[in-house]
Amino acid sequence: MGFIMLQKDRERLRELARKQLEIANSPKNKERVALWKRHNTLVGERPVIHIEIDTFWQEVLPPLLQCEGEEARLLELTLLRQFSNMELFDDDKVVPEFFPVQPVNYATLFGHAVATTSATGSDGSSLGHHFEHFITDLEDDFEKLMQPSQYVIDKETPCKNMQVAEEIFGDILPVRMGAACLSAVPTQNVVHWMGMETMFCSMYDYPDEFKQMMDKIADDYIEFYRTLEREGVLLPTTGFAKLDQGSLCFTDELKDQGVLTSHDLWGHMDSQESVGVSPDMFAEFIFPYYRRIADEFGLLSYGCCEPVSASWEYIKTLPNLRKVSISPWCDEAFMAEQLRGSRTIFHRKPSPNYLGVGELLDEAAFREHIDATVKTAKGCKLEISQRDVYTINHDVGKVRRYVEIIRESIENHWSI
């Protein structure tokens, strides 16, 4: 297909494609790919480190952009994201030997798209948003949750995106469909629909209706996975595919070709919104429905910011639980004791305050923080993902030094 683009933009994209392929084939990258594979199959010799750039990319990548055309800049940004971590921070984020084009598949549960009202600053930056709830009383509004869910499988958009990328630089860097884990976050859906206060009150005021709602959510997530299977759009999650919570899917334990089902893929779940209920209420109102969905996955990563230690007696029973999030609010020592010698990875999320607050990195304070994790998690399989950093004060060197301190801590304390 023809694609009109400034010649200098085209040359810039081809230059970046060559650079990505060169980095992907470098000994450093290949060694780290092998490290990820060993790590995810529980035989890695050291913890892996990933700095998630998604929340502060706007301070890092725009200054690197050179293309003028809007479409070219989007492609340029995507190319830069493939190798910026390794080039700028030198963490363990690895670089694929191909250009990934993301699928466009999603479910709108019960036919209600999430609506928000946003606030922006004078510079156009986002200051926050508010969800527009359509459930105010679960009993009165229950029929709104009985509408059929909508499953969108958009094959045309990714196909067009692939054709554009192939025409510009496909002779240099192969273009492939990207992949990501399957994700399910039922309590997040509920809070988007009714707010957290109404969710908590509904468990008490309308327990039967709440359980019926959760059961239908589980039904429809599972039906979405069946729809993806019937449409033949599931892709293997055994390589560079993104695993939610700042991780990667590398493994040789799952199917990597042929006809796939959800049971051949990584899945991710979390329930941050239920942090305000007791473990007993979690067991009654949340966990049975999470367990039904979790049964659909080949391997499972669980958790986000919630302290999983509070409900660990239930979470630990989830099938094929390979990674669990150890957030800053988690009982780190308890979880280390529980996971030591197990087949579940201690996926630590350090506090974002050390990197994201203040112009200068307090090296002594952060070293104490990360040393505590490395020492506490000895005997576990440790993964470190830095997430939820919204500004680095435009200081890339601050991030690079942050990674160096983590590596020094591992060197000093992990193998002793």
Protein backbone atom coordinates (compact mmCIF):
# COMPACT_ATOMS: atom_id res chain seq x y z
CA MET A 1 0.00 0.00 0.00
CA GLY A 2 1.20 3.54 -0.56
CA PHE A 3 2.02 5.69 2.44
CA ILE A 4 2.83 9.38 2.07
CA MET A 5 5.65 10.42 4.38
CA LEU A 6 8.43 12.97 4.36
CA GLN A 7 11.63 11.36 3.10
CA LYS A 8 13.58 12.51 6.12
CA ASP A 9 10.95 10.98 8.42
CA ARG A 10 11.17 7.71 6.52
CA GLU A 11 14.98 7.74 6.81
CA ARG A 12 14.74 8.44 10.55
CA LEU A 13 12.42 5.45 11.08
CA ARG A 14 14.65 3.17 9.05
CA GLU A 15 17.64 4.35 11.10
CA LEU A 16 15.81 3.47 14.34
CA ALA A 17 14.76 0.08 12.93
CA ARG A 18 18.42 -0.72 12.22
CA LYS A 19 19.35 0.41 15.73
CA GLN A 20 16.69 -1.78 17.35
CA LEU A 21 17.81 -4.83 15.40
CA GLU A 22 21.44 -4.18 16.29
CA ILE A 23 20.63 -3.90 20.00
CA ALA A 24 18.36 -6.95 19.85
CA ASN A 25 21.21 -9.03 18.42
CA SER A 26 23.81 -7.73 20.88
CA PRO A 27 25.40 -10.18 23.34
CA LYS A 28 24.03 -8.13 26.28
CA ASN A 29 20.46 -8.43 25.06
CA LYS A 30 20.74 -12.13 24.25
CA GLU A 31 22.20 -12.83 27.68
CA ARG A 32 19.33 -10.99 29.35
CA VAL A 33 16.71 -12.77 27.26
CA ALA A 34 18.22 -16.05 28.46
CA LEU A 35 18.16 -14.69 32.04
CA TRP A 36 14.43 -13.91 31.79
CA LYS A 37 13.70 -17.42 30.52
CA ARG A 38 15.62 -18.98 33.39
CA HIS A 39 14.03 -16.60 35.90
CA ASN A 40 10.44 -17.33 34.87
CA THR A 41 11.11 -21.08 35.00
CA LEU A 42 12.59 -20.69 38.49
CA VAL A 43 16.22 -21.45 37.68
CA GLY A 44 17.56 -17.90 37.32
CA GLU A 45 20.79 -17.10 39.12
CA ARG A 46 19.92 -13.50 40.06
CA PRO A 47 16.89 -11.19 40.36
CA VAL A 48 15.71 -9.35 37.25
CA ILE A 49 15.09 -5.60 37.26
CA HIS A 50 12.61 -3.56 35.25
CA ILE A 51 11.89 0.17 35.38
CA GLU A 52 8.40 0.77 33.98
CA ILE A 53 8.59 3.88 31.83
CA ASP A 54 4.85 4.03 31.05
CA THR A 55 4.05 6.68 33.68
CA PHE A 56 6.94 9.06 32.96
CA TRP A 57 7.77 8.46 29.29
CA GLN A 58 6.67 12.01 28.46
CA GLU A 59 9.77 13.29 30.28
CA VAL A 60 12.13 10.94 28.46
CA LEU A 61 11.06 10.19 24.90
CA PRO A 62 9.65 13.41 23.34
CA PRO A 63 13.05 15.16 23.40
CA LEU A 64 14.39 12.30 21.25
CA LEU A 65 11.74 12.68 18.53
CA GLN A 66 12.92 14.00 15.17
CA CYS A 67 10.08 13.16 12.79
CA GLU A 68 7.69 15.91 11.73
CA GLY A 69 4.62 14.03 10.48
CA GLU A 70 2.08 12.88 13.07
CA GLU A 71 1.96 9.26 11.86
CA ALA A 72 5.74 9.14 11.59
CA ARG A 73 6.14 10.45 15.16
CA LEU A 74 3.83 7.72 16.48
CA LEU A 75 5.96 5.07 14.78
CA GLU A 76 9.12 6.79 15.98
CA LEU A 77 7.83 6.78 19.54
CA THR A 78 7.00 3.08 19.34
CA LEU A 79 10.44 2.25 17.98
CA LEU A 80 12.15 4.29 20.70
CA ARG A 81 10.16 2.50 23.40
CA GLN A 82 11.54 -0.84 22.23
CA PHE A 83 15.09 -0.10 23.33
CA SER A 84 15.02 3.07 25.47
CA ASN A 85 15.18 1.17 28.77
CA MET A 86 18.33 -0.70 27.84
CA GLU A 87 19.99 2.33 26.26
CA LEU A 88 19.06 4.92 28.90
CA PHE A 89 18.64 3.00 32.18
CA ASP A 90 20.43 -0.33 31.59
CA ASP A 91 17.85 -2.33 33.50
CA ASP A 92 16.87 -5.84 32.36
CA LYS A 93 14.10 -4.80 29.96
CA VAL A 94 15.01 -6.67 26.77
CA VAL A 95 14.69 -5.68 23.13
CA PRO A 96 12.77 -7.79 20.58
CA GLU A 97 14.25 -8.58 17.17
CA PHE A 98 10.97 -7.48 15.58
CA PHE A 99 8.58 -4.52 15.57
CA PRO A 100 5.41 -5.44 17.49
CA VAL A 101 1.96 -4.30 16.31
CA GLN A 102 -0.59 -4.59 19.07
CA PRO A 103 -3.93 -6.40 18.64
CA VAL A 104 -7.16 -4.49 19.24
CA ASN A 105 -9.41 -6.83 21.23
CA TYR A 106 -11.45 -5.83 24.25
CA ALA A 107 -14.60 -6.55 26.23
CA THR A 108 -17.18 -4.02 27.40
CA LEU A 109 -18.81 -5.84 30.28
CA PHE A 110 -22.61 -5.61 30.33
CA GLY A 111 -22.39 -3.13 27.46
CA HIS A 112 -21.44 -0.18 29.67
CA ALA A 113 -18.31 1.68 28.56
CA VAL A 114 -16.47 3.38 31.41
CA ALA A 115 -17.06 7.14 31.33
CA THR A 116 -14.73 9.67 32.97
CA THR A 117 -14.47 13.39 33.53
CA SER A 118 -10.88 14.62 33.32
CA ALA A 119 -9.06 17.68 34.61
CA THR A 120 -6.09 19.15 32.77
CA GLY A 121 -3.47 21.69 33.72
CA SER A 122 -2.68 24.92 31.91
CA ASP A 123 -0.04 23.07 29.90
CA GLY A 124 -2.53 20.43 28.80
CA SER A 125 -1.16 17.74 31.11
CA SER A 126 -3.55 15.44 32.94
CA LEU A 127 -4.24 16.33 36.58
CA GLY A 128 -6.66 13.51 37.28
CA HIS A 129 -10.04 12.05 36.41
CA HIS A 130 -13.33 11.06 37.96
CA PHE A 131 -15.40 8.01 36.99
CA GLU A 132 -19.03 8.64 36.10
CA HIS A 133 -20.88 5.89 37.97
CA PHE A 134 -24.06 4.44 36.49
CA ILE A 135 -24.89 2.34 39.57
CA THR A 136 -25.99 4.26 42.67
CA ASP A 137 -27.98 1.52 44.40
CA LEU A 138 -27.25 -2.10 43.45
CA GLU A 139 -30.79 -3.35 44.06
CA ASP A 140 -32.48 -0.49 42.19
CA ASP A 141 -30.01 -0.53 39.29
CA PHE A 142 -29.45 -4.27 39.10
CA GLU A 143 -31.08 -4.64 35.68
CA LYS A 144 -28.33 -2.44 34.21
CA LEU A 145 -25.90 -5.26 34.96
CA MET A 146 -27.96 -7.86 33.17
CA GLN A 147 -27.29 -6.48 29.70
CA PRO A 148 -25.15 -8.58 27.35
CA SER A 149 -21.43 -7.86 27.25
CA GLN A 150 -19.84 -6.69 24.01
CA TYR A 151 -16.68 -8.30 22.66
CA VAL A 152 -14.71 -6.37 20.06
CA ILE A 153 -12.23 -8.22 17.83
CA ASP A 154 -10.74 -5.61 15.48
CA LYS A 155 -8.60 -7.43 12.90
CA GLU A 156 -8.56 -4.58 10.37
CA THR A 157 -6.69 -1.94 12.39
CA PRO A 158 -3.68 -4.12 13.30
CA CYS A 159 -3.51 -5.35 9.71
CA LYS A 160 -3.30 -1.77 8.41
CA ASN A 161 -0.69 -0.87 11.03
CA MET A 162 1.41 -3.86 10.03
CA GLN A 163 1.25 -2.90 6.36
CA VAL A 164 2.42 0.63 7.10
CA ALA A 165 5.36 -0.51 9.23
CA GLU A 166 6.34 -3.21 6.71
CA GLU A 167 6.38 -0.71 3.85
CA ILE A 168 8.63 1.74 5.69
CA PHE A 169 11.17 -0.54 7.41
CA GLY A 170 10.00 -4.15 7.08
CA ASP A 171 13.01 -5.02 4.91
CA ILE A 172 15.22 -4.09 7.89
CA LEU A 173 13.21 -5.09 10.96
CA PRO A 174 10.56 -7.82 10.79
CA VAL A 175 7.04 -6.69 11.68
CA ARG A 176 4.88 -9.06 13.74
CA MET A 177 1.72 -9.03 15.77
CA GLY A 178 2.58 -8.33 19.37
CA ALA A 179 1.15 -10.23 22.29
CA ALA A 180 0.24 -9.67 25.91
CA CYS A 181 -1.15 -11.72 28.74
CA LEU A 182 -4.87 -12.06 29.37
CA SER A 183 -6.03 -9.77 32.14
CA ALA A 184 -9.00 -9.81 34.50
CA VAL A 185 -9.72 -7.19 37.19
CA PRO A 186 -13.36 -7.69 38.29
CA THR A 187 -13.31 -5.44 41.36
CA GLN A 188 -11.84 -2.62 39.28
CA ASN A 189 -14.80 -3.01 36.93
CA VAL A 190 -17.19 -2.79 39.89
CA VAL A 191 -15.57 0.36 41.30
CA HIS A 192 -15.69 2.02 37.89
CA TRP A 193 -19.41 1.29 37.75
CA MET A 194 -20.47 2.26 41.28
CA GLY A 195 -17.55 3.66 43.27
CA MET A 196 -15.78 2.06 46.21
CA GLU A 197 -18.18 3.19 48.94
CA THR A 198 -21.17 1.75 47.10
CA MET A 199 -19.25 -1.46 46.42
CA PHE A 200 -18.47 -1.93 50.13
CA CYS A 201 -22.02 -1.08 51.23
CA SER A 202 -23.52 -3.39 48.61
CA MET A 203 -21.71 -6.39 50.07
CA TYR A 204 -23.54 -5.70 53.34
CA ASP A 205 -26.89 -4.41 52.04
CA TYR A 206 -27.35 -6.72 49.04
CA PRO A 207 -25.09 -9.76 49.48
CA ASP A 208 -27.05 -12.01 47.13
CA GLU A 209 -27.17 -9.44 44.35
CA PHE A 210 -23.48 -8.70 44.79
CA LYS A 211 -22.55 -12.36 44.43
CA GLN A 212 -24.82 -12.71 41.42
CA MET A 213 -23.07 -9.72 39.84
CA MET A 214 -19.62 -11.18 40.52
CA ASP A 215 -20.69 -14.53 39.11
CA LYS A 216 -21.87 -12.90 35.89
CA ILE A 217 -18.63 -10.92 35.62
CA ALA A 218 -16.70 -14.19 35.83
CA ASP A 219 -19.02 -15.76 33.23
CA ASP A 220 -18.43 -12.91 30.80
CA TYR A 221 -14.66 -12.77 31.23
CA ILE A 222 -14.55 -16.48 30.45
CA GLU A 223 -16.86 -16.03 27.46
CA PHE A 224 -14.56 -13.28 26.19
CA TYR A 225 -11.68 -15.75 26.27
CA ARG A 226 -13.81 -18.29 24.39
CA THR A 227 -14.57 -15.59 21.79
CA LEU A 228 -10.86 -14.86 21.33
CA GLU A 229 -10.28 -18.59 20.84
CA ARG A 230 -13.06 -18.95 18.27
CA GLU A 231 -11.75 -15.93 16.35
CA GLY A 232 -8.24 -17.41 16.33
CA VAL A 233 -6.63 -14.19 17.61
CA LEU A 234 -4.82 -15.52 20.69
CA LEU A 235 -1.04 -15.23 20.42
CA PRO A 236 1.62 -17.11 22.40
CA THR A 237 2.80 -15.55 25.66
CA THR A 238 6.14 -17.32 25.78
CA GLY A 239 8.55 -14.58 24.69
CA PHE A 240 8.60 -10.79 24.57
CA ALA A 241 4.87 -10.55 25.32
CA LYS A 242 4.01 -8.11 28.08
CA LEU A 243 2.96 -9.56 31.41
CA ASP A 244 1.08 -6.94 33.43
CA GLN A 245 2.73 -5.30 36.44
CA GLY A 246 6.00 -4.52 34.73
CA SER A 247 6.99 -8.04 33.80
CA LEU A 248 7.61 -10.23 30.74
CA CYS A 249 6.21 -13.57 29.68
CA PHE A 250 9.33 -15.56 28.78
CA THR A 251 8.77 -19.26 29.44
CA ASP A 252 9.10 -22.67 27.85
CA GLU A 253 6.25 -24.09 29.93
CA LEU A 254 3.45 -22.86 27.68
CA LYS A 255 2.48 -23.60 24.09
CA ASP A 256 4.19 -21.33 21.56
CA GLN A 257 2.49 -22.31 18.31
CA GLY A 258 -0.62 -23.87 16.80
CA VAL A 259 -4.20 -23.38 17.95
CA LEU A 260 -4.22 -21.69 21.35
CA THR A 261 -6.69 -21.50 24.21
CA SER A 262 -6.58 -19.37 27.34
CA HIS A 263 -5.07 -22.38 29.13
CA ASP A 264 -1.95 -21.96 26.96
CA LEU A 265 -1.38 -18.33 28.05
CA TRP A 266 -0.18 -16.24 30.96
CA GLY A 267 -2.93 -14.43 32.85
CA HIS A 268 -2.90 -11.55 35.30
CA MET A 269 -5.40 -10.62 38.01
CA ASP A 270 -5.53 -8.18 40.90
CA SER A 271 -8.05 -6.85 43.39
CA GLN A 272 -6.69 -3.58 44.72
CA GLU A 273 -10.21 -2.33 45.36
CA SER A 274 -10.99 -5.02 47.97
CA VAL A 275 -8.18 -3.87 50.28
CA GLY A 276 -10.81 -2.30 52.56
CA VAL A 277 -12.63 -5.58 53.34
CA SER A 278 -11.64 -8.27 55.79
CA PRO A 279 -10.02 -11.52 54.65
CA ASP A 280 -13.28 -13.32 55.48
CA MET A 281 -15.30 -10.98 53.27
CA PHE A 282 -12.68 -11.31 50.53
CA ALA A 283 -13.12 -15.09 50.78
CA GLU A 284 -16.91 -14.84 50.55
CA PHE A 285 -17.54 -12.01 48.07
CA ILE A 286 -14.44 -11.84 45.87
CA PHE A 287 -12.25 -14.89 45.83
CA PRO A 288 -14.65 -17.58 44.50
CA TYR A 289 -15.17 -15.60 41.30
CA TYR A 290 -11.48 -14.78 40.92
CA ARG A 291 -10.72 -18.46 41.34
CA ARG A 292 -13.10 -19.35 38.48
CA ILE A 293 -11.31 -16.97 36.13
CA ALA A 294 -7.83 -17.97 37.33
CA ASP A 295 -8.62 -21.57 36.40
CA GLU A 296 -8.61 -20.42 32.75
CA PHE A 297 -4.89 -19.54 32.59
CA GLY A 298 -1.79 -21.61 32.02
CA LEU A 299 0.37 -19.49 34.34
CA LEU A 300 -0.82 -16.69 36.61
CA SER A 301 0.65 -13.42 37.88
CA TYR A 302 -1.40 -11.95 40.72
CA GLY A 303 -1.58 -8.61 42.45
CA CYS A 304 -0.81 -4.92 42.06
CA CYS A 305 -0.71 -2.41 44.95
CA GLU A 306 -2.88 -4.42 47.36
CA PRO A 307 -1.11 -6.10 50.30
CA VAL A 308 -1.58 -9.73 49.27
CA SER A 309 -0.26 -10.86 52.66
CA ALA A 310 -3.65 -10.07 54.24
CA SER A 311 -5.50 -12.65 52.12
CA TRP A 312 -2.61 -14.95 51.29
CA GLU A 313 -4.34 -18.03 52.74
CA TYR A 314 -6.76 -17.82 49.81
CA ILE A 315 -4.55 -16.35 47.09
CA LYS A 316 -1.92 -19.07 47.55
CA THR A 317 -4.46 -21.66 46.39
CA LEU A 318 -4.83 -20.12 42.92
CA PRO A 319 -3.75 -22.59 40.24
CA ASN A 320 -0.43 -22.13 38.45
CA LEU A 321 0.43 -19.04 40.54
CA ARG A 322 3.88 -18.16 39.25
CA LYS A 323 4.27 -14.51 40.32
CA VAL A 324 2.75 -12.53 43.16
CA SER A 325 3.06 -8.77 43.66
CA ILE A 326 4.82 -7.67 46.84
CA SER A 327 3.78 -4.03 47.02
CA PRO A 328 5.10 -1.34 49.39
CA TRP A 329 2.04 -2.01 51.59
CA CYS A 330 2.69 -5.75 51.83
CA ASP A 331 4.17 -7.62 54.80
CA GLU A 332 7.44 -8.31 53.03
CA ALA A 333 8.93 -10.58 55.69
CA PHE A 334 5.79 -12.71 55.93
CA MET A 335 5.60 -13.13 52.16
CA ALA A 336 9.29 -14.04 51.94
CA GLU A 337 8.71 -16.77 54.50
CA GLN A 338 5.72 -18.03 52.53
CA LEU A 339 7.45 -17.97 49.13
CA ARG A 340 10.90 -19.22 50.10
CA GLY A 341 11.52 -22.47 48.25
CA SER A 342 8.14 -22.28 46.46
CA ARG A 343 7.28 -22.13 42.75
CA THR A 344 5.94 -18.57 43.04
CA ILE A 345 8.15 -15.56 42.27
CA PHE A 346 8.50 -12.76 44.83
CA HIS A 347 7.64 -9.85 42.50
CA ARG A 348 8.72 -6.83 44.51
CA LYS A 349 7.45 -3.31 43.79
CA PRO A 350 9.71 -0.87 45.70
CA SER A 351 8.20 2.37 46.96
CA PRO A 352 8.07 4.87 44.07
CA ASN A 353 8.89 7.75 46.42
CA TYR A 354 12.66 7.33 46.20
CA LEU A 355 12.72 7.80 42.43
CA GLY A 356 9.60 9.89 41.94
CA VAL A 357 9.77 12.45 44.76
CA GLY A 358 12.37 15.21 44.90
CA GLU A 359 14.90 16.42 42.39
CA LEU A 360 17.80 14.45 43.82
CA LEU A 361 17.99 10.74 44.56
CA ASP A 362 18.56 10.05 48.25
CA GLU A 363 21.01 7.23 47.62
CA ALA A 364 21.48 6.25 51.25
CA ALA A 365 17.75 5.99 51.94
CA PHE A 366 17.05 4.04 48.78
CA ARG A 367 19.99 1.71 49.38
CA GLU A 368 18.61 0.90 52.83
CA HIS A 369 15.17 0.27 51.29
CA ILE A 370 16.36 -2.05 48.51
CA ASP A 371 18.92 -3.81 50.72
CA ALA A 372 16.06 -4.77 53.04
CA THR A 373 14.21 -6.37 50.13
CA VAL A 374 17.22 -8.25 48.79
CA LYS A 375 18.12 -9.58 52.23
CA THR A 376 14.54 -10.45 53.16
CA ALA A 377 13.83 -12.26 49.89
CA LYS A 378 16.90 -14.49 49.97
CA GLY A 379 15.85 -18.04 49.18
CA CYS A 380 12.98 -16.77 47.03
CA LYS A 381 12.95 -16.11 43.30
CA LEU A 382 13.09 -12.31 43.27
CA GLU A 383 11.94 -9.91 40.56
CA ILE A 384 12.04 -6.12 41.01
CA SER A 385 9.70 -3.86 39.03
CA GLN A 386 9.69 -0.14 39.70
CA ARG A 387 6.23 1.17 38.92
CA ASP A 388 4.03 4.21 39.63
CA VAL A 389 6.74 6.85 39.14
CA TYR A 390 5.08 9.86 37.50
CA THR A 391 8.06 12.19 37.27
CA ILE A 392 11.82 11.81 37.33
CA ASN A 393 12.31 15.59 37.17
CA HIS A 394 13.54 15.09 33.60
CA ASP A 395 16.70 13.43 34.96
CA VAL A 396 17.51 10.22 33.09
CA GLY A 397 20.77 9.92 35.04
CA LYS A 398 18.73 9.65 38.24
CA VAL A 399 17.04 6.51 36.91
CA ARG A 400 20.29 5.00 35.71
CA ARG A 401 21.87 5.51 39.11
CA TYR A 402 18.77 3.99 40.72
CA VAL A 403 19.29 0.82 38.68
CA GLU A 404 23.00 0.79 39.56
CA ILE A 405 22.14 0.84 43.27
CA ILE A 406 19.79 -2.12 42.83
CA ARG A 407 22.52 -4.04 41.01
CA GLU A 408 25.02 -3.18 43.75
CA SER A 409 22.59 -4.41 46.40
CA ILE A 410 22.13 -7.70 44.55
CA GLU A 411 25.89 -8.07 44.15
CA ASN A 412 26.50 -7.35 47.85
CA HIS A 413 23.70 -9.35 49.45
CA TRP A 414 22.07 -11.87 47.13
CA SER A 415 24.68 -14.58 46.80
CA ILE A 416 26.29 -14.21 50.21
